[in-house]
Amino acid sequence: MITRHRKARTLYGAVEHNGVIYFAGHAADDINTGMKEQTRQTCAKLETFLNELGSSKSNILQARIYLSDMSRKEEMNEAWLEWLDGADLPSRATIGGCDLGDPKRLIEIVLTAAKD
């Protein structure tokens, strides 16, 4: 069975199938902040959504992180590692030089996670 969550005009915020949750790209609400703060906001938003769907950040299988500026990757890494337990790191790709729709939007995160 496929279950879709949080319908938007062009997508769902997450789609669930066979105990795996596939998240759309999520970003910070306040884009008038720097990379580290936008990363923190995005991670907090995703953690709330993970918990709502019966999962947790320790169940993240894969992350794709899109950055507008790869030279700021270390700022993102600092917030990312503050958020995750080092024992539960997912596989990850970080893609830089992305146009995220607004020059102030610095990061977008896509996750795949298992249900608890």
PDB file of N, CA and C in Angstrom:
ATOM      1  N   MET A   1       0.840  -1.175   0.000  1.00  0.00           N
ATOM      2  CA  MET A   1       0.000   0.000   0.000  1.00  0.00           C
ATOM      3  C   MET A   1       0.890   1.245   0.000  1.00  0.00           C
ATOM      4  N   ILE A   2       0.502   2.234  -0.752  1.00  0.00           N
ATOM      5  CA  ILE A   2       1.196   3.508  -0.812  1.00  0.00           C
ATOM      6  C   ILE A   2       0.368   4.541  -0.056  1.00  0.00           C
ATOM      7  N   THR A   3       1.029   5.265   0.852  1.00  0.00           N
ATOM      8  CA  THR A   3       0.376   6.320   1.611  1.00  0.00           C
ATOM      9  C   THR A   3       1.117   7.614   1.357  1.00  0.00           C
ATOM     10  N   ARG A   4       0.357   8.639   1.013  1.00  0.00           N
ATOM     11  CA  ARG A   4       0.940   9.946   0.727  1.00  0.00           C
ATOM     12  C   ARG A   4       0.614  10.912   1.864  1.00  0.00           C
ATOM     13  N   HIS A   5       1.580  11.777   2.195  1.00  0.00           N
ATOM     14  CA  HIS A   5       1.426  12.689   3.325  1.00  0.00           C
ATOM     15  C   HIS A   5       1.705  14.122   2.902  1.00  0.00           C
ATOM     16  N   ARG A   6       0.907  15.050   3.422  1.00  0.00           N
ATOM     17  CA  ARG A   6       1.068  16.493   3.226  1.00  0.00           C
ATOM     18  C   ARG A   6       1.079  16.896   1.750  1.00  0.00           C
ATOM     19  N   LYS A   7      -0.107  16.860   1.172  1.00  0.00           N
ATOM     20  CA  LYS A   7      -0.248  17.226  -0.238  1.00  0.00           C
ATOM     21  C   LYS A   7      -0.011  18.716  -0.445  1.00  0.00           C
ATOM     22  N   ALA A   8       0.787  19.013  -1.439  1.00  0.00           N
ATOM     23  CA  ALA A   8       0.999  20.386  -1.907  1.00  0.00           C
ATOM     24  C   ALA A   8       0.514  20.434  -3.358  1.00  0.00           C
ATOM     25  N   ARG A   9       0.635  21.567  -3.968  1.00  0.00           N
ATOM     26  CA  ARG A   9       0.130  21.715  -5.331  1.00  0.00           C
ATOM     27  C   ARG A   9       0.791  20.748  -6.311  1.00  0.00           C
ATOM     28  N   THR A  10       2.107  20.552  -6.226  1.00  0.00           N
ATOM     29  CA  THR A  10       2.829  19.756  -7.224  1.00  0.00           C
ATOM     30  C   THR A  10       3.439  18.464  -6.682  1.00  0.00           C
ATOM     31  N   LEU A  11       3.274  18.189  -5.385  1.00  0.00           N
ATOM     32  CA  LEU A  11       3.916  17.012  -4.797  1.00  0.00           C
ATOM     33  C   LEU A  11       3.338  16.717  -3.427  1.00  0.00           C
ATOM     34  N   TYR A  12       3.787  15.614  -2.841  1.00  0.00           N
ATOM     35  CA  TYR A  12       3.508  15.303  -1.453  1.00  0.00           C
ATOM     36  C   TYR A  12       4.797  15.494  -0.671  1.00  0.00           C
ATOM     37  N   GLY A  13       4.677  15.872   0.589  1.00  0.00           N
ATOM     38  CA  GLY A  13       5.843  16.050   1.436  1.00  0.00           C
ATOM     39  C   GLY A  13       6.575  14.757   1.693  1.00  0.00           C
ATOM     40  N   ALA A  14       5.839  13.639   1.655  1.00  0.00           N
ATOM     41  CA  ALA A  14       6.440  12.315   1.819  1.00  0.00           C
ATOM     42  C   ALA A  14       5.486  11.273   1.258  1.00  0.00           C
ATOM     43  N   VAL A  15       6.072  10.192   0.778  1.00  0.00           N
ATOM     44  CA  VAL A  15       5.306   9.047   0.282  1.00  0.00           C
ATOM     45  C   VAL A  15       5.880   7.814   0.965  1.00  0.00           C
ATOM     46  N   GLU A  16       4.980   6.974   1.453  1.00  0.00           N
ATOM     47  CA  GLU A  16       5.373   5.793   2.235  1.00  0.00           C
ATOM     48  C   GLU A  16       4.973   4.520   1.497  1.00  0.00           C
ATOM     49  N   HIS A  17       5.891   3.529   1.502  1.00  0.00           N
ATOM     50  CA  HIS A  17       5.612   2.245   0.874  1.00  0.00           C
ATOM     51  C   HIS A  17       6.452   1.160   1.543  1.00  0.00           C
ATOM     52  N   ASN A  18       5.813   0.075   1.934  1.00  0.00           N
ATOM     53  CA  ASN A  18       6.507  -1.079   2.534  1.00  0.00           C
ATOM     54  C   ASN A  18       7.449  -0.695   3.668  1.00  0.00           C
ATOM     55  N   GLY A  19       7.006   0.200   4.548  1.00  0.00           N
ATOM     56  CA  GLY A  19       7.802   0.558   5.717  1.00  0.00           C
ATOM     57  C   GLY A  19       8.933   1.526   5.453  1.00  0.00           C
ATOM     58  N   VAL A  20       8.973   2.097   4.244  1.00  0.00           N
ATOM     59  CA  VAL A  20      10.000   3.082   3.908  1.00  0.00           C
ATOM     60  C   VAL A  20       9.295   4.391   3.552  1.00  0.00           C
ATOM     61  N   ILE A  21       9.853   5.506   4.059  1.00  0.00           N
ATOM     62  CA  ILE A  21       9.285   6.829   3.802  1.00  0.00           C
ATOM     63  C   ILE A  21      10.254   7.596   2.905  1.00  0.00           C
ATOM     64  N   TYR A  22       9.725   8.101   1.803  1.00  0.00           N
ATOM     65  CA  TYR A  22      10.499   8.877   0.837  1.00  0.00           C
ATOM     66  C   TYR A  22      10.057  10.334   0.963  1.00  0.00           C
ATOM     67  N   PHE A  23      10.938  11.172   1.452  1.00  0.00           N
ATOM     68  CA  PHE A  23      10.609  12.574   1.670  1.00  0.00           C
ATOM     69  C   PHE A  23      10.953  13.402   0.438  1.00  0.00           C
ATOM     70  N   ALA A  24      10.118  14.381   0.178  1.00  0.00           N
ATOM     71  CA  ALA A  24      10.425  15.391  -0.839  1.00  0.00           C
ATOM     72  C   ALA A  24      11.528  16.285  -0.286  1.00  0.00           C
ATOM     73  N   GLY A  25      11.992  17.214  -1.077  1.00  0.00           N
ATOM     74  CA  GLY A  25      12.970  18.177  -0.594  1.00  0.00           C
ATOM     75  C   GLY A  25      12.330  19.131   0.403  1.00  0.00           C
ATOM     76  N   HIS A  26      13.013  19.338   1.517  1.00  0.00           N
ATOM     77  CA  HIS A  26      12.529  20.262   2.549  1.00  0.00           C
ATOM     78  C   HIS A  26      13.600  21.305   2.808  1.00  0.00           C
ATOM     79  N   ALA A  27      13.142  22.503   3.179  1.00  0.00           N
ATOM     80  CA  ALA A  27      14.052  23.629   3.374  1.00  0.00           C
ATOM     81  C   ALA A  27      13.592  24.454   4.567  1.00  0.00           C
ATOM     82  N   ALA A  28      14.443  25.376   4.976  1.00  0.00           N
ATOM     83  CA  ALA A  28      14.150  26.260   6.105  1.00  0.00           C
ATOM     84  C   ALA A  28      13.006  27.204   5.770  1.00  0.00           C
ATOM     85  N   ASP A  29      12.261  27.590   6.782  1.00  0.00           N
ATOM     86  CA  ASP A  29      11.201  28.577   6.600  1.00  0.00           C
ATOM     87  C   ASP A  29      11.757  29.996   6.562  1.00  0.00           C
ATOM     88  N   ASP A  30      12.788  30.252   7.373  1.00  0.00           N
ATOM     89  CA  ASP A  30      13.403  31.579   7.416  1.00  0.00           C
ATOM     90  C   ASP A  30      14.688  31.548   6.598  1.00  0.00           C
ATOM     91  N   ILE A  31      14.625  32.076   5.392  1.00  0.00           N
ATOM     92  CA  ILE A  31      15.802  32.048   4.519  1.00  0.00           C
ATOM     93  C   ILE A  31      16.643  33.321   4.639  1.00  0.00           C
ATOM     94  N   ASN A  32      16.351  34.120   5.634  1.00  0.00           N
ATOM     95  CA  ASN A  32      17.158  35.311   5.904  1.00  0.00           C
ATOM     96  C   ASN A  32      18.244  35.007   6.927  1.00  0.00           C
ATOM     97  N   THR A  33      18.642  33.756   7.013  1.00  0.00           N
ATOM     98  CA  THR A  33      19.681  33.318   7.939  1.00  0.00           C
ATOM     99  C   THR A  33      20.798  32.655   7.132  1.00  0.00           C
ATOM    100  N   GLY A  34      21.877  32.281   7.804  1.00  0.00           N
ATOM    101  CA  GLY A  34      23.011  31.658   7.144  1.00  0.00           C
ATOM    102  C   GLY A  34      22.828  30.161   6.945  1.00  0.00           C
ATOM    103  N   MET A  35      23.843  29.551   6.377  1.00  0.00           N
ATOM    104  CA  MET A  35      23.811  28.110   6.066  1.00  0.00           C
ATOM    105  C   MET A  35      23.580  27.262   7.315  1.00  0.00           C
ATOM    106  N   LYS A  36      24.309  27.536   8.373  1.00  0.00           N
ATOM    107  CA  LYS A  36      24.184  26.706   9.570  1.00  0.00           C
ATOM    108  C   LYS A  36      22.769  26.775  10.147  1.00  0.00           C
ATOM    109  N   GLU A  37      22.209  27.974  10.233  1.00  0.00           N
ATOM    110  CA  GLU A  37      20.863  28.120  10.789  1.00  0.00           C
ATOM    111  C   GLU A  37      19.811  27.534   9.851  1.00  0.00           C
ATOM    112  N   GLN A  38      19.960  27.712   8.550  1.00  0.00           N
ATOM    113  CA  GLN A  38      18.993  27.087   7.632  1.00  0.00           C
ATOM    114  C   GLN A  38      19.072  25.568   7.735  1.00  0.00           C
ATOM    115  N   THR A  39      20.266  25.033   7.916  1.00  0.00           N
ATOM    116  CA  THR A  39      20.405  23.582   8.101  1.00  0.00           C
ATOM    117  C   THR A  39      19.706  23.146   9.371  1.00  0.00           C
ATOM    118  N   ARG A  40      19.916  23.867  10.458  1.00  0.00           N
ATOM    119  CA  ARG A  40      19.254  23.531  11.738  1.00  0.00           C
ATOM    120  C   ARG A  40      17.734  23.541  11.577  1.00  0.00           C
ATOM    121  N   GLN A  41      17.211  24.578  10.946  1.00  0.00           N
ATOM    122  CA  GLN A  41      15.763  24.685  10.753  1.00  0.00           C
ATOM    123  C   GLN A  41      15.228  23.521   9.923  1.00  0.00           C
ATOM    124  N   THR A  42      15.938  23.207   8.858  1.00  0.00           N
ATOM    125  CA  THR A  42      15.497  22.130   7.976  1.00  0.00           C
ATOM    126  C   THR A  42      15.522  20.795   8.697  1.00  0.00           C
ATOM    127  N   CYS A  43      16.570  20.543   9.452  1.00  0.00           N
ATOM    128  CA  CYS A  43      16.671  19.283  10.211  1.00  0.00           C
ATOM    129  C   CYS A  43      15.570  19.187  11.261  1.00  0.00           C
ATOM    130  N   ALA A  44      15.284  20.286  11.956  1.00  0.00           N
ATOM    131  CA  ALA A  44      14.212  20.285  12.959  1.00  0.00           C
ATOM    132  C   ALA A  44      12.863  20.008  12.303  1.00  0.00           C
ATOM    133  N   LYS A  45      12.638  20.601  11.157  1.00  0.00           N
ATOM    134  CA  LYS A  45      11.394  20.387  10.406  1.00  0.00           C
ATOM    135  C   LYS A  45      11.266  18.913   9.999  1.00  0.00           C
ATOM    136  N   LEU A  46      12.358  18.349   9.497  1.00  0.00           N
ATOM    137  CA  LEU A  46      12.347  16.938   9.096  1.00  0.00           C
ATOM    138  C   LEU A  46      12.165  16.012  10.298  1.00  0.00           C
ATOM    139  N   GLU A  47      12.773  16.348  11.416  1.00  0.00           N
ATOM    140  CA  GLU A  47      12.615  15.510  12.611  1.00  0.00           C
ATOM    141  C   GLU A  47      11.157  15.470  13.069  1.00  0.00           C
ATOM    142  N   THR A  48      10.500  16.611  13.044  1.00  0.00           N
ATOM    143  CA  THR A  48       9.074  16.654  13.394  1.00  0.00           C
ATOM    144  C   THR A  48       8.265  15.774  12.448  1.00  0.00           C
ATOM    145  N   PHE A  49       8.534  15.858  11.157  1.00  0.00           N
ATOM    146  CA  PHE A  49       7.822  15.078  10.149  1.00  0.00           C
ATOM    147  C   PHE A  49       8.123  13.581  10.322  1.00  0.00           C
ATOM    148  N   LEU A  50       9.383  13.236  10.545  1.00  0.00           N
ATOM    149  CA  LEU A  50       9.758  11.835  10.798  1.00  0.00           C
ATOM    150  C   LEU A  50       8.957  11.270  11.975  1.00  0.00           C
ATOM    151  N   ASN A  51       8.931  12.005  13.078  1.00  0.00           N
ATOM    152  CA  ASN A  51       8.209  11.550  14.267  1.00  0.00           C
ATOM    153  C   ASN A  51       6.719  11.419  14.005  1.00  0.00           C
ATOM    154  N   GLU A  52       6.166  12.363  13.271  1.00  0.00           N
ATOM    155  CA  GLU A  52       4.740  12.338  12.912  1.00  0.00           C
ATOM    156  C   GLU A  52       4.388  11.071  12.128  1.00  0.00           C
ATOM    157  N   LEU A  53       5.336  10.593  11.319  1.00  0.00           N
ATOM    158  CA  LEU A  53       5.079   9.426  10.472  1.00  0.00           C
ATOM    159  C   LEU A  53       5.547   8.108  11.106  1.00  0.00           C
ATOM    160  N   GLY A  54       5.917   8.147  12.385  1.00  0.00           N
ATOM    161  CA  GLY A  54       6.294   6.916  13.067  1.00  0.00           C
ATOM    162  C   GLY A  54       7.721   6.490  12.814  1.00  0.00           C
ATOM    163  N   SER A  55       8.596   7.446  12.576  1.00  0.00           N
ATOM    164  CA  SER A  55      10.004   7.152  12.364  1.00  0.00           C
ATOM    165  C   SER A  55      10.822   8.074  13.258  1.00  0.00           C
ATOM    166  N   SER A  56      12.112   8.126  13.035  1.00  0.00           N
ATOM    167  CA  SER A  56      12.984   9.002  13.816  1.00  0.00           C
ATOM    168  C   SER A  56      14.262   9.251  13.018  1.00  0.00           C
ATOM    169  N   LYS A  57      15.034  10.215  13.474  1.00  0.00           N
ATOM    170  CA  LYS A  57      16.263  10.532  12.753  1.00  0.00           C
ATOM    171  C   LYS A  57      17.257   9.379  12.779  1.00  0.00           C
ATOM    172  N   SER A  58      17.170   8.489  13.747  1.00  0.00           N
ATOM    173  CA  SER A  58      18.063   7.323  13.776  1.00  0.00           C
ATOM    174  C   SER A  58      17.696   6.293  12.711  1.00  0.00           C
ATOM    175  N   ASN A  59      16.548   6.460  12.066  1.00  0.00           N
ATOM    176  CA  ASN A  59      16.095   5.541  11.016  1.00  0.00           C
ATOM    177  C   ASN A  59      16.324   6.077   9.610  1.00  0.00           C
ATOM    178  N   ILE A  60      17.042   7.190   9.489  1.00  0.00           N
ATOM    179  CA  ILE A  60      17.302   7.747   8.162  1.00  0.00           C
ATOM    180  C   ILE A  60      18.274   6.825   7.434  1.00  0.00           C
ATOM    181  N   LEU A  61      17.887   6.400   6.257  1.00  0.00           N
ATOM    182  CA  LEU A  61      18.705   5.504   5.442  1.00  0.00           C
ATOM    183  C   LEU A  61      19.621   6.276   4.508  1.00  0.00           C
ATOM    184  N   GLN A  62      19.079   7.333   3.920  1.00  0.00           N
ATOM    185  CA  GLN A  62      19.828   8.085   2.914  1.00  0.00           C
ATOM    186  C   GLN A  62      19.421   9.549   2.969  1.00  0.00           C
ATOM    187  N   ALA A  63      20.389  10.419   2.701  1.00  0.00           N
ATOM    188  CA  ALA A  63      20.118  11.850   2.590  1.00  0.00           C
ATOM    189  C   ALA A  63      20.787  12.379   1.330  1.00  0.00           C
ATOM    190  N   ARG A  64      20.064  13.245   0.644  1.00  0.00           N
ATOM    191  CA  ARG A  64      20.635  14.030  -0.454  1.00  0.00           C
ATOM    192  C   ARG A  64      20.506  15.478  -0.024  1.00  0.00           C
ATOM    193  N   ILE A  65      21.626  16.155   0.015  1.00  0.00           N
ATOM    194  CA  ILE A  65      21.649  17.539   0.476  1.00  0.00           C
ATOM    195  C   ILE A  65      22.079  18.420  -0.689  1.00  0.00           C
ATOM    196  N   TYR A  66      21.243  19.374  -1.019  1.00  0.00           N
ATOM    197  CA  TYR A  66      21.504  20.293  -2.120  1.00  0.00           C
ATOM    198  C   TYR A  66      21.903  21.646  -1.531  1.00  0.00           C
ATOM    199  N   LEU A  67      23.066  22.139  -1.934  1.00  0.00           N
ATOM    200  CA  LEU A  67      23.579  23.413  -1.449  1.00  0.00           C
ATOM    201  C   LEU A  67      23.696  24.399  -2.610  1.00  0.00           C
ATOM    202  N   SER A  68      23.370  25.642  -2.341  1.00  0.00           N
ATOM    203  CA  SER A  68      23.536  26.665  -3.368  1.00  0.00           C
ATOM    204  C   SER A  68      25.018  27.005  -3.553  1.00  0.00           C
ATOM    205  N   ASP A  69      25.806  26.797  -2.501  1.00  0.00           N
ATOM    206  CA  ASP A  69      27.219  27.180  -2.532  1.00  0.00           C
ATOM    207  C   ASP A  69      28.034  26.125  -1.784  1.00  0.00           C
ATOM    208  N   MET A  70      28.764  25.312  -2.530  1.00  0.00           N
ATOM    209  CA  MET A  70      29.520  24.217  -1.939  1.00  0.00           C
ATOM    210  C   MET A  70      30.628  24.709  -1.007  1.00  0.00           C
ATOM    211  N   SER A  71      31.072  25.942  -1.153  1.00  0.00           N
ATOM    212  CA  SER A  71      32.117  26.458  -0.266  1.00  0.00           C
ATOM    213  C   SER A  71      31.616  26.605   1.168  1.00  0.00           C
ATOM    214  N   ARG A  72      30.306  26.492   1.367  1.00  0.00           N
ATOM    215  CA  ARG A  72      29.714  26.596   2.712  1.00  0.00           C
ATOM    216  C   ARG A  72      29.356  25.228   3.289  1.00  0.00           C
ATOM    217  N   LYS A  73      29.857  24.182   2.686  1.00  0.00           N
ATOM    218  CA  LYS A  73      29.540  22.814   3.109  1.00  0.00           C
ATOM    219  C   LYS A  73      29.904  22.554   4.574  1.00  0.00           C
ATOM    220  N   GLU A  74      31.029  23.075   5.029  1.00  0.00           N
ATOM    221  CA  GLU A  74      31.440  22.811   6.409  1.00  0.00           C
ATOM    222  C   GLU A  74      30.460  23.412   7.416  1.00  0.00           C
ATOM    223  N   GLU A  75      29.874  24.566   7.107  1.00  0.00           N
ATOM    224  CA  GLU A  75      28.836  25.150   7.974  1.00  0.00           C
ATOM    225  C   GLU A  75      27.642  24.196   8.081  1.00  0.00           C
ATOM    226  N   MET A  76      27.262  23.642   6.937  1.00  0.00           N
ATOM    227  CA  MET A  76      26.166  22.672   6.924  1.00  0.00           C
ATOM    228  C   MET A  76      26.552  21.444   7.738  1.00  0.00           C
ATOM    229  N   ASN A  77      27.770  20.923   7.520  1.00  0.00           N
ATOM    230  CA  ASN A  77      28.229  19.737   8.252  1.00  0.00           C
ATOM    231  C   ASN A  77      28.186  19.945   9.764  1.00  0.00           C
ATOM    232  N   GLU A  78      28.540  21.121  10.235  1.00  0.00           N
ATOM    233  CA  GLU A  78      28.505  21.401  11.669  1.00  0.00           C
ATOM    234  C   GLU A  78      27.099  21.212  12.225  1.00  0.00           C
ATOM    235  N   ALA A  79      26.109  21.809  11.570  1.00  0.00           N
ATOM    236  CA  ALA A  79      24.723  21.677  12.036  1.00  0.00           C
ATOM    237  C   ALA A  79      24.223  20.240  11.870  1.00  0.00           C
ATOM    238  N   TRP A  80      24.576  19.594  10.771  1.00  0.00           N
ATOM    239  CA  TRP A  80      24.178  18.212  10.493  1.00  0.00           C
ATOM    240  C   TRP A  80      24.676  17.285  11.601  1.00  0.00           C
ATOM    241  N   LEU A  81      25.948  17.439  11.979  1.00  0.00           N
ATOM    242  CA  LEU A  81      26.533  16.565  13.003  1.00  0.00           C
ATOM    243  C   LEU A  81      26.041  16.903  14.402  1.00  0.00           C
ATOM    244  N   GLU A  82      25.626  18.131  14.641  1.00  0.00           N
ATOM    245  CA  GLU A  82      24.974  18.476  15.908  1.00  0.00           C
ATOM    246  C   GLU A  82      23.627  17.774  16.008  1.00  0.00           C
ATOM    247  N   TRP A  83      22.959  17.603  14.882  1.00  0.00           N
ATOM    248  CA  TRP A  83      21.614  17.026  14.858  1.00  0.00           C
ATOM    249  C   TRP A  83      21.632  15.510  14.959  1.00  0.00           C
ATOM    250  N   LEU A  84      22.561  14.850  14.285  1.00  0.00           N
ATOM    251  CA  LEU A  84      22.568  13.386  14.220  1.00  0.00           C
ATOM    252  C   LEU A  84      23.574  12.774  15.190  1.00  0.00           C
ATOM    253  N   ASP A  85      23.216  11.627  15.715  1.00  0.00           N
ATOM    254  CA  ASP A  85      24.151  10.846  16.510  1.00  0.00           C
ATOM    255  C   ASP A  85      25.160  10.233  15.547  1.00  0.00           C
ATOM    256  N   GLY A  86      26.425  10.352  15.843  1.00  0.00           N
ATOM    257  CA  GLY A  86      27.465   9.840  14.960  1.00  0.00           C
ATOM    258  C   GLY A  86      27.355   8.359  14.664  1.00  0.00           C
ATOM    259  N   ALA A  87      26.666   7.601  15.504  1.00  0.00           N
ATOM    260  CA  ALA A  87      26.507   6.164  15.282  1.00  0.00           C
ATOM    261  C   ALA A  87      25.411   5.862  14.266  1.00  0.00           C
ATOM    262  N   ASP A  88      24.529   6.825  14.020  1.00  0.00           N
ATOM    263  CA  ASP A  88      23.368   6.588  13.150  1.00  0.00           C
ATOM    264  C   ASP A  88      23.423   7.396  11.858  1.00  0.00           C
ATOM    265  N   LEU A  89      24.615   7.730  11.391  1.00  0.00           N
ATOM    266  CA  LEU A  89      24.712   8.517  10.164  1.00  0.00           C
ATOM    267  C   LEU A  89      24.195   7.726   8.965  1.00  0.00           C
ATOM    268  N   PRO A  90      23.412   8.365   8.103  1.00  0.00           N
ATOM    269  CA  PRO A  90      22.922   7.692   6.904  1.00  0.00           C
ATOM    270  C   PRO A  90      23.947   7.770   5.778  1.00  0.00           C
ATOM    271  N   SER A  91      23.700   7.047   4.701  1.00  0.00           N
ATOM    272  CA  SER A  91      24.477   7.310   3.492  1.00  0.00           C
ATOM    273  C   SER A  91      24.054   8.705   3.025  1.00  0.00           C
ATOM    274  N   ARG A  92      24.967   9.405   2.339  1.00  0.00           N
ATOM    275  CA  ARG A  92      24.657  10.790   2.020  1.00  0.00           C
ATOM    276  C   ARG A  92      25.401  11.239   0.765  1.00  0.00           C
ATOM    277  N   ALA A  93      24.736  12.093   0.008  1.00  0.00           N
ATOM    278  CA  ALA A  93      25.373  12.805  -1.102  1.00  0.00           C
ATOM    279  C   ALA A  93      25.102  14.283  -0.882  1.00  0.00           C
ATOM    280  N   THR A  94      26.122  15.098  -1.122  1.00  0.00           N
ATOM    281  CA  THR A  94      25.959  16.546  -1.044  1.00  0.00           C
ATOM    282  C   THR A  94      26.257  17.104  -2.426  1.00  0.00           C
ATOM    283  N   ILE A  95      25.297  17.810  -2.968  1.00  0.00           N
ATOM    284  CA  ILE A  95      25.384  18.328  -4.321  1.00  0.00           C
ATOM    285  C   ILE A  95      25.425  19.851  -4.235  1.00  0.00           C
ATOM    286  N   GLY A  96      26.436  20.466  -4.812  1.00  0.00           N
ATOM    287  CA  GLY A  96      26.604  21.908  -4.721  1.00  0.00           C
ATOM    288  C   GLY A  96      26.276  22.628  -6.009  1.00  0.00           C
ATOM    289  N   GLY A  97      26.218  23.943  -5.906  1.00  0.00           N
ATOM    290  CA  GLY A  97      25.959  24.793  -7.065  1.00  0.00           C
ATOM    291  C   GLY A  97      24.524  24.746  -7.535  1.00  0.00           C
ATOM    292  N   CYS A  98      23.595  24.457  -6.634  1.00  0.00           N
ATOM    293  CA  CYS A  98      22.188  24.282  -7.009  1.00  0.00           C
ATOM    294  C   CYS A  98      21.416  25.599  -6.954  1.00  0.00           C
ATOM    295  N   ASP A  99      20.544  25.786  -7.919  1.00  0.00           N
ATOM    296  CA  ASP A  99      19.588  26.887  -7.888  1.00  0.00           C
ATOM    297  C   ASP A  99      18.379  26.379  -7.119  1.00  0.00           C
ATOM    298  N   LEU A 100      18.162  26.916  -5.926  1.00  0.00           N
ATOM    299  CA  LEU A 100      17.089  26.430  -5.064  1.00  0.00           C
ATOM    300  C   LEU A 100      15.862  27.346  -5.091  1.00  0.00           C
ATOM    301  N   GLY A 101      15.748  28.128  -6.162  1.00  0.00           N
ATOM    302  CA  GLY A 101      14.540  28.916  -6.381  1.00  0.00           C
ATOM    303  C   GLY A 101      14.571  30.333  -5.834  1.00  0.00           C
ATOM    304  N   ASP A 102      15.444  30.593  -4.888  1.00  0.00           N
ATOM    305  CA  ASP A 102      15.601  31.921  -4.314  1.00  0.00           C
ATOM    306  C   ASP A 102      17.067  32.046  -3.914  1.00  0.00           C
ATOM    307  N   PRO A 103      17.743  33.124  -4.277  1.00  0.00           N
ATOM    308  CA  PRO A 103      19.168  33.234  -3.953  1.00  0.00           C
ATOM    309  C   PRO A 103      19.472  33.155  -2.455  1.00  0.00           C
ATOM    310  N   LYS A 104      18.481  33.445  -1.621  1.00  0.00           N
ATOM    311  CA  LYS A 104      18.692  33.364  -0.174  1.00  0.00           C
ATOM    312  C   LYS A 104      18.502  31.953   0.360  1.00  0.00           C
ATOM    313  N   ARG A 105      17.872  31.066  -0.423  1.00  0.00           N
ATOM    314  CA  ARG A 105      17.700  29.673   0.010  1.00  0.00           C
ATOM    315  C   ARG A 105      19.022  28.960  -0.230  1.00  0.00           C
ATOM    316  N   LEU A 106      19.635  28.474   0.852  1.00  0.00           N
ATOM    317  CA  LEU A 106      20.976  27.925   0.793  1.00  0.00           C
ATOM    318  C   LEU A 106      21.034  26.402   0.795  1.00  0.00           C
ATOM    319  N   ILE A 107      19.955  25.747   1.253  1.00  0.00           N
ATOM    320  CA  ILE A 107      19.987  24.297   1.428  1.00  0.00           C
ATOM    321  C   ILE A 107      18.603  23.693   1.256  1.00  0.00           C
ATOM    322  N   GLU A 108      18.568  22.495   0.702  1.00  0.00           N
ATOM    323  CA  GLU A 108      17.363  21.665   0.632  1.00  0.00           C
ATOM    324  C   GLU A 108      17.807  20.238   0.918  1.00  0.00           C
ATOM    325  N   ILE A 109      17.017  19.529   1.724  1.00  0.00           N
ATOM    326  CA  ILE A 109      17.370  18.169   2.133  1.00  0.00           C
ATOM    327  C   ILE A 109      16.261  17.201   1.741  1.00  0.00           C
ATOM    328  N   VAL A 110      16.658  16.086   1.126  1.00  0.00           N
ATOM    329  CA  VAL A 110      15.765  14.987   0.752  1.00  0.00           C
ATOM    330  C   VAL A 110      16.196  13.758   1.555  1.00  0.00           C
ATOM    331  N   LEU A 111      15.239  13.114   2.222  1.00  0.00           N
ATOM    332  CA  LEU A 111      15.552  11.930   3.030  1.00  0.00           C
ATOM    333  C   LEU A 111      14.778  10.709   2.574  1.00  0.00           C
ATOM    334  N   THR A 112      15.339   9.554   2.858  1.00  0.00           N
ATOM    335  CA  THR A 112      14.637   8.274   2.816  1.00  0.00           C
ATOM    336  C   THR A 112      14.839   7.648   4.188  1.00  0.00           C
ATOM    337  N   ALA A 113      13.754   7.171   4.812  1.00  0.00           N
ATOM    338  CA  ALA A 113      13.853   6.634   6.175  1.00  0.00           C
ATOM    339  C   ALA A 113      12.976   5.408   6.337  1.00  0.00           C
ATOM    340  N   ALA A 114      13.391   4.523   7.237  1.00  0.00           N
ATOM    341  CA  ALA A 114      12.589   3.370   7.608  1.00  0.00           C
ATOM    342  C   ALA A 114      11.620   3.770   8.720  1.00  0.00           C
ATOM    343  N   LYS A 115      10.485   3.107   8.777  1.00  0.00           N
ATOM    344  CA  LYS A 115       9.561   3.313   9.896  1.00  0.00           C
ATOM    345  C   LYS A 115      10.114   2.592  11.108  1.00  0.00           C
ATOM    346  N   ASP A 116       9.728   3.040  12.305  1.00  0.00           N
ATOM    347  CA  ASP A 116      10.155   2.357  13.550  1.00  0.00           C
ATOM    348  C   ASP A 116       9.558   0.976  13.617  1.00  0.00           C
TER     349      ASP A 116
END
